[in-house]
Amino acid sequence: MPRIFMTYVELAETFGGDPVSARAGAIECGLSRFKGSDGVTYVGLSPAMTAEFLGQLTRRALADSQTTAQVASLNALASAMRDAIQPPTERIKTAA
């Protein structure tokens, strides 16, 4: 199974808290850590944390697709309402 590595800042943003508590939690849980060539420490997620992270991504993607579908539906409704409110041009021409 592929591993996911995050910085302390990314851990804090993903799972809540701040980078200092993310570091302490990573040490306490015995998660693998290494310093990258860029000088930043990376933490390997446990299988449970990986599942939670991927679940968050899935929920976010689903919410985005539902929002997109709802916006499209509202645009179609607005277009239908504009068409219903504006009188047909044939009626205007025959009345004149």
N, C-alpha and C. Protein backbone atom coordinates (compact mmCIF):
# COMPACT_ATOMS: atom_id res chain seq x y z
N MET A 1 0.85 -1.18 0.00
CA MET A 1 0.00 0.00 0.00
C MET A 1 0.90 1.24 0.00
N PRO A 2 0.59 2.22 -0.85
CA PRO A 2 1.39 3.44 -0.90
C PRO A 2 1.31 4.20 0.42
N ARG A 3 2.37 4.86 0.76
CA ARG A 3 2.41 5.66 1.98
C ARG A 3 2.16 7.11 1.65
N ILE A 4 1.53 7.79 2.57
CA ILE A 4 1.32 9.22 2.44
C ILE A 4 2.12 9.89 3.54
N PHE A 5 2.90 10.89 3.16
CA PHE A 5 3.70 11.65 4.10
C PHE A 5 3.23 13.09 4.11
N MET A 6 3.18 13.67 5.30
CA MET A 6 2.74 15.06 5.46
C MET A 6 3.71 15.79 6.39
N THR A 7 3.75 17.10 6.22
CA THR A 7 4.49 17.93 7.16
C THR A 7 3.64 18.11 8.42
N TYR A 8 4.24 18.67 9.46
CA TYR A 8 3.47 18.93 10.68
C TYR A 8 2.35 19.93 10.42
N VAL A 9 2.61 20.89 9.57
CA VAL A 9 1.57 21.89 9.22
C VAL A 9 0.41 21.20 8.51
N GLU A 10 0.72 20.34 7.56
CA GLU A 10 -0.34 19.62 6.83
C GLU A 10 -1.12 18.69 7.76
N LEU A 11 -0.41 18.03 8.67
CA LEU A 11 -1.10 17.18 9.66
C LEU A 11 -2.08 18.00 10.48
N ALA A 12 -1.62 19.16 10.94
CA ALA A 12 -2.48 20.02 11.76
C ALA A 12 -3.70 20.49 10.97
N GLU A 13 -3.51 20.87 9.71
CA GLU A 13 -4.63 21.32 8.88
C GLU A 13 -5.61 20.19 8.60
N THR A 14 -5.10 18.98 8.43
CA THR A 14 -5.93 17.85 8.06
C THR A 14 -6.68 17.26 9.25
N PHE A 15 -5.98 17.11 10.36
CA PHE A 15 -6.56 16.42 11.51
C PHE A 15 -6.89 17.34 12.69
N GLY A 16 -6.65 18.61 12.53
CA GLY A 16 -6.95 19.57 13.59
C GLY A 16 -5.75 19.81 14.49
N GLY A 17 -5.78 20.91 15.18
CA GLY A 17 -4.69 21.25 16.07
C GLY A 17 -3.71 22.20 15.43
N ASP A 18 -2.52 22.24 16.02
CA ASP A 18 -1.47 23.11 15.50
C ASP A 18 -0.24 22.26 15.22
N PRO A 19 0.74 22.82 14.51
CA PRO A 19 1.92 22.03 14.16
C PRO A 19 2.68 21.47 15.36
N VAL A 20 2.70 22.19 16.46
CA VAL A 20 3.42 21.71 17.65
C VAL A 20 2.73 20.46 18.21
N SER A 21 1.41 20.49 18.30
CA SER A 21 0.69 19.31 18.81
C SER A 21 0.74 18.16 17.80
N ALA A 22 0.79 18.48 16.50
CA ALA A 22 0.93 17.43 15.48
C ALA A 22 2.27 16.73 15.63
N ARG A 23 3.33 17.49 15.91
CA ARG A 23 4.65 16.90 16.12
C ARG A 23 4.64 16.00 17.35
N ALA A 24 4.07 16.52 18.44
CA ALA A 24 4.02 15.74 19.67
C ALA A 24 3.21 14.46 19.47
N GLY A 25 2.09 14.55 18.76
CA GLY A 25 1.27 13.38 18.48
C GLY A 25 1.97 12.35 17.62
N ALA A 26 2.72 12.84 16.62
CA ALA A 26 3.47 11.92 15.75
C ALA A 26 4.53 11.17 16.55
N ILE A 27 5.20 11.86 17.45
CA ILE A 27 6.22 11.22 18.29
C ILE A 27 5.57 10.22 19.24
N GLU A 28 4.47 10.65 19.86
CA GLU A 28 3.76 9.79 20.82
C GLU A 28 3.23 8.52 20.16
N CYS A 29 2.73 8.64 18.94
CA CYS A 29 2.17 7.48 18.24
C CYS A 29 3.24 6.63 17.56
N GLY A 30 4.47 7.10 17.56
CA GLY A 30 5.55 6.34 16.95
C GLY A 30 5.48 6.32 15.43
N LEU A 31 4.93 7.36 14.83
CA LEU A 31 4.85 7.43 13.38
C LEU A 31 6.25 7.65 12.80
N SER A 32 6.48 7.10 11.62
CA SER A 32 7.78 7.27 10.99
C SER A 32 7.94 8.73 10.57
N ARG A 33 9.15 9.24 10.81
CA ARG A 33 9.44 10.64 10.46
C ARG A 33 10.81 10.68 9.80
N PHE A 34 10.97 11.59 8.86
CA PHE A 34 12.28 11.81 8.26
C PHE A 34 12.38 13.25 7.81
N LYS A 35 13.59 13.73 7.77
CA LYS A 35 13.82 15.09 7.31
C LYS A 35 14.17 15.03 5.84
N GLY A 36 13.42 15.77 5.03
CA GLY A 36 13.66 15.80 3.60
C GLY A 36 14.87 16.63 3.25
N SER A 37 15.27 16.57 2.00
CA SER A 37 16.42 17.34 1.54
C SER A 37 16.15 18.84 1.59
N ASP A 38 14.86 19.20 1.71
CA ASP A 38 14.49 20.60 1.83
C ASP A 38 14.52 21.08 3.28
N GLY A 39 14.89 20.18 4.22
CA GLY A 39 14.99 20.56 5.63
C GLY A 39 13.69 20.43 6.39
N VAL A 40 12.62 20.03 5.74
CA VAL A 40 11.31 19.90 6.37
C VAL A 40 11.11 18.46 6.82
N THR A 41 10.52 18.30 8.01
CA THR A 41 10.26 16.95 8.52
C THR A 41 8.93 16.45 7.97
N TYR A 42 8.94 15.21 7.50
CA TYR A 42 7.74 14.57 6.98
C TYR A 42 7.36 13.40 7.87
N VAL A 43 6.07 13.21 8.05
CA VAL A 43 5.55 12.15 8.90
C VAL A 43 4.75 11.19 8.04
N GLY A 44 5.02 9.90 8.16
CA GLY A 44 4.26 8.88 7.44
C GLY A 44 2.96 8.59 8.18
N LEU A 45 1.86 8.65 7.47
CA LEU A 45 0.57 8.39 8.09
C LEU A 45 0.41 6.90 8.39
N SER A 46 -0.28 6.61 9.48
CA SER A 46 -0.64 5.22 9.78
C SER A 46 -1.76 4.80 8.82
N PRO A 47 -2.04 3.50 8.72
CA PRO A 47 -3.15 3.07 7.85
C PRO A 47 -4.48 3.72 8.23
N ALA A 48 -4.75 3.86 9.52
CA ALA A 48 -6.01 4.49 9.95
C ALA A 48 -6.05 5.96 9.55
N MET A 49 -4.93 6.65 9.71
CA MET A 49 -4.88 8.07 9.33
C MET A 49 -5.00 8.22 7.82
N THR A 50 -4.38 7.30 7.08
CA THR A 50 -4.49 7.33 5.62
C THR A 50 -5.94 7.15 5.19
N ALA A 51 -6.63 6.22 5.82
CA ALA A 51 -8.05 6.00 5.49
C ALA A 51 -8.87 7.25 5.81
N GLU A 52 -8.61 7.89 6.93
CA GLU A 52 -9.34 9.11 7.28
C GLU A 52 -9.04 10.22 6.28
N PHE A 53 -7.78 10.38 5.92
CA PHE A 53 -7.39 11.41 4.96
C PHE A 53 -8.06 11.18 3.61
N LEU A 54 -8.02 9.95 3.12
CA LEU A 54 -8.65 9.64 1.84
C LEU A 54 -10.17 9.82 1.92
N GLY A 55 -10.76 9.51 3.07
CA GLY A 55 -12.19 9.73 3.27
C GLY A 55 -12.53 11.21 3.19
N GLN A 56 -11.68 12.04 3.80
CA GLN A 56 -11.89 13.49 3.72
C GLN A 56 -11.83 13.98 2.28
N LEU A 57 -10.84 13.48 1.53
CA LEU A 57 -10.74 13.87 0.12
C LEU A 57 -11.97 13.45 -0.67
N THR A 58 -12.45 12.24 -0.41
CA THR A 58 -13.63 11.72 -1.11
C THR A 58 -14.86 12.56 -0.78
N ARG A 59 -15.05 12.85 0.51
CA ARG A 59 -16.21 13.66 0.91
C ARG A 59 -16.15 15.05 0.29
N ARG A 60 -14.94 15.63 0.23
CA ARG A 60 -14.78 16.96 -0.36
C ARG A 60 -15.10 16.93 -1.86
N ALA A 61 -14.61 15.90 -2.56
CA ALA A 61 -14.87 15.77 -3.99
C ALA A 61 -16.35 15.57 -4.26
N LEU A 62 -17.01 14.76 -3.42
CA LEU A 62 -18.44 14.52 -3.57
C LEU A 62 -19.23 15.80 -3.34
N ALA A 63 -18.84 16.55 -2.32
CA ALA A 63 -19.52 17.82 -2.03
C ALA A 63 -19.33 18.79 -3.20
N ASP A 64 -18.13 18.83 -3.78
CA ASP A 64 -17.87 19.72 -4.92
C ASP A 64 -18.72 19.32 -6.12
N SER A 65 -18.85 18.02 -6.38
CA SER A 65 -19.64 17.59 -7.54
C SER A 65 -21.12 17.85 -7.30
N GLN A 66 -21.57 17.69 -6.07
CA GLN A 66 -22.98 17.98 -5.76
C GLN A 66 -23.25 19.47 -5.90
N THR A 67 -22.30 20.29 -5.46
CA THR A 67 -22.46 21.74 -5.60
C THR A 67 -22.51 22.13 -7.06
N THR A 68 -21.66 21.53 -7.87
CA THR A 68 -21.66 21.82 -9.30
C THR A 68 -23.00 21.44 -9.93
N ALA A 69 -23.53 20.28 -9.56
CA ALA A 69 -24.83 19.84 -10.09
C ALA A 69 -25.94 20.77 -9.64
N GLN A 70 -25.89 21.23 -8.40
CA GLN A 70 -26.92 22.14 -7.90
C GLN A 70 -26.85 23.48 -8.60
N VAL A 71 -25.65 23.98 -8.85
CA VAL A 71 -25.51 25.25 -9.57
C VAL A 71 -26.05 25.12 -10.99
N ALA A 72 -25.76 24.00 -11.64
CA ALA A 72 -26.28 23.79 -13.00
C ALA A 72 -27.81 23.74 -12.99
N SER A 73 -28.36 23.09 -11.98
CA SER A 73 -29.81 23.01 -11.86
C SER A 73 -30.41 24.40 -11.62
N LEU A 74 -29.78 25.19 -10.78
CA LEU A 74 -30.28 26.55 -10.53
C LEU A 74 -30.16 27.42 -11.78
N ASN A 75 -29.08 27.26 -12.54
CA ASN A 75 -28.94 28.01 -13.79
C ASN A 75 -30.04 27.65 -14.78
N ALA A 76 -30.37 26.37 -14.87
CA ALA A 76 -31.44 25.93 -15.77
C ALA A 76 -32.78 26.50 -15.31
N LEU A 77 -33.02 26.50 -14.01
CA LEU A 77 -34.27 27.06 -13.47
C LEU A 77 -34.35 28.55 -13.74
N ALA A 78 -33.24 29.27 -13.54
CA ALA A 78 -33.23 30.71 -13.79
C ALA A 78 -33.50 31.00 -15.27
N SER A 79 -32.93 30.20 -16.15
CA SER A 79 -33.15 30.37 -17.58
C SER A 79 -34.62 30.13 -17.93
N ALA A 80 -35.21 29.09 -17.35
CA ALA A 80 -36.62 28.80 -17.60
C ALA A 80 -37.50 29.92 -17.07
N MET A 81 -37.14 30.49 -15.93
CA MET A 81 -37.93 31.59 -15.36
C MET A 81 -37.82 32.83 -16.23
N ARG A 82 -36.62 33.12 -16.75
CA ARG A 82 -36.46 34.27 -17.65
C ARG A 82 -37.31 34.09 -18.91
N ASP A 83 -37.31 32.87 -19.46
CA ASP A 83 -38.11 32.59 -20.65
C ASP A 83 -39.60 32.75 -20.36
N ALA A 84 -40.04 32.35 -19.17
CA ALA A 84 -41.45 32.44 -18.81
C ALA A 84 -41.89 33.88 -18.58
N ILE A 85 -41.00 34.70 -18.09
CA ILE A 85 -41.34 36.09 -17.78
C ILE A 85 -41.34 36.94 -19.04
N GLN A 86 -40.38 36.71 -19.94
CA GLN A 86 -40.29 37.51 -21.15
C GLN A 86 -41.37 37.05 -22.13
N PRO A 87 -42.16 37.99 -22.63
CA PRO A 87 -43.21 37.60 -23.58
C PRO A 87 -42.60 37.15 -24.91
N PRO A 88 -43.24 36.19 -25.55
CA PRO A 88 -42.74 35.75 -26.86
C PRO A 88 -42.78 36.90 -27.87
N THR A 89 -41.83 36.95 -28.75
CA THR A 89 -41.77 38.03 -29.72
C THR A 89 -42.93 37.99 -30.70
N GLU A 90 -43.51 36.81 -30.93
CA GLU A 90 -44.64 36.74 -31.84
C GLU A 90 -45.83 37.50 -31.27
N ARG A 91 -46.03 37.41 -29.95
CA ARG A 91 -47.16 38.12 -29.35
C ARG A 91 -46.99 39.61 -29.46
N ILE A 92 -45.75 40.08 -29.34
CA ILE A 92 -45.48 41.52 -29.41
C ILE A 92 -45.72 42.00 -30.84
N LYS A 93 -45.29 41.22 -31.82
CA LYS A 93 -45.45 41.62 -33.21
C LYS A 93 -46.91 41.66 -33.61
N THR A 94 -47.73 40.71 -33.16
CA THR A 94 -49.14 40.66 -33.57
C THR A 94 -49.96 41.72 -32.85
N ALA A 95 -49.56 42.13 -31.67
CA ALA A 95 -50.30 43.14 -30.93
C ALA A 95 -50.06 44.52 -31.51
N ALA A 96 -48.99 44.73 -32.16
CA ALA A 96 -48.63 46.06 -32.66
C ALA A 96 -49.32 46.41 -33.92
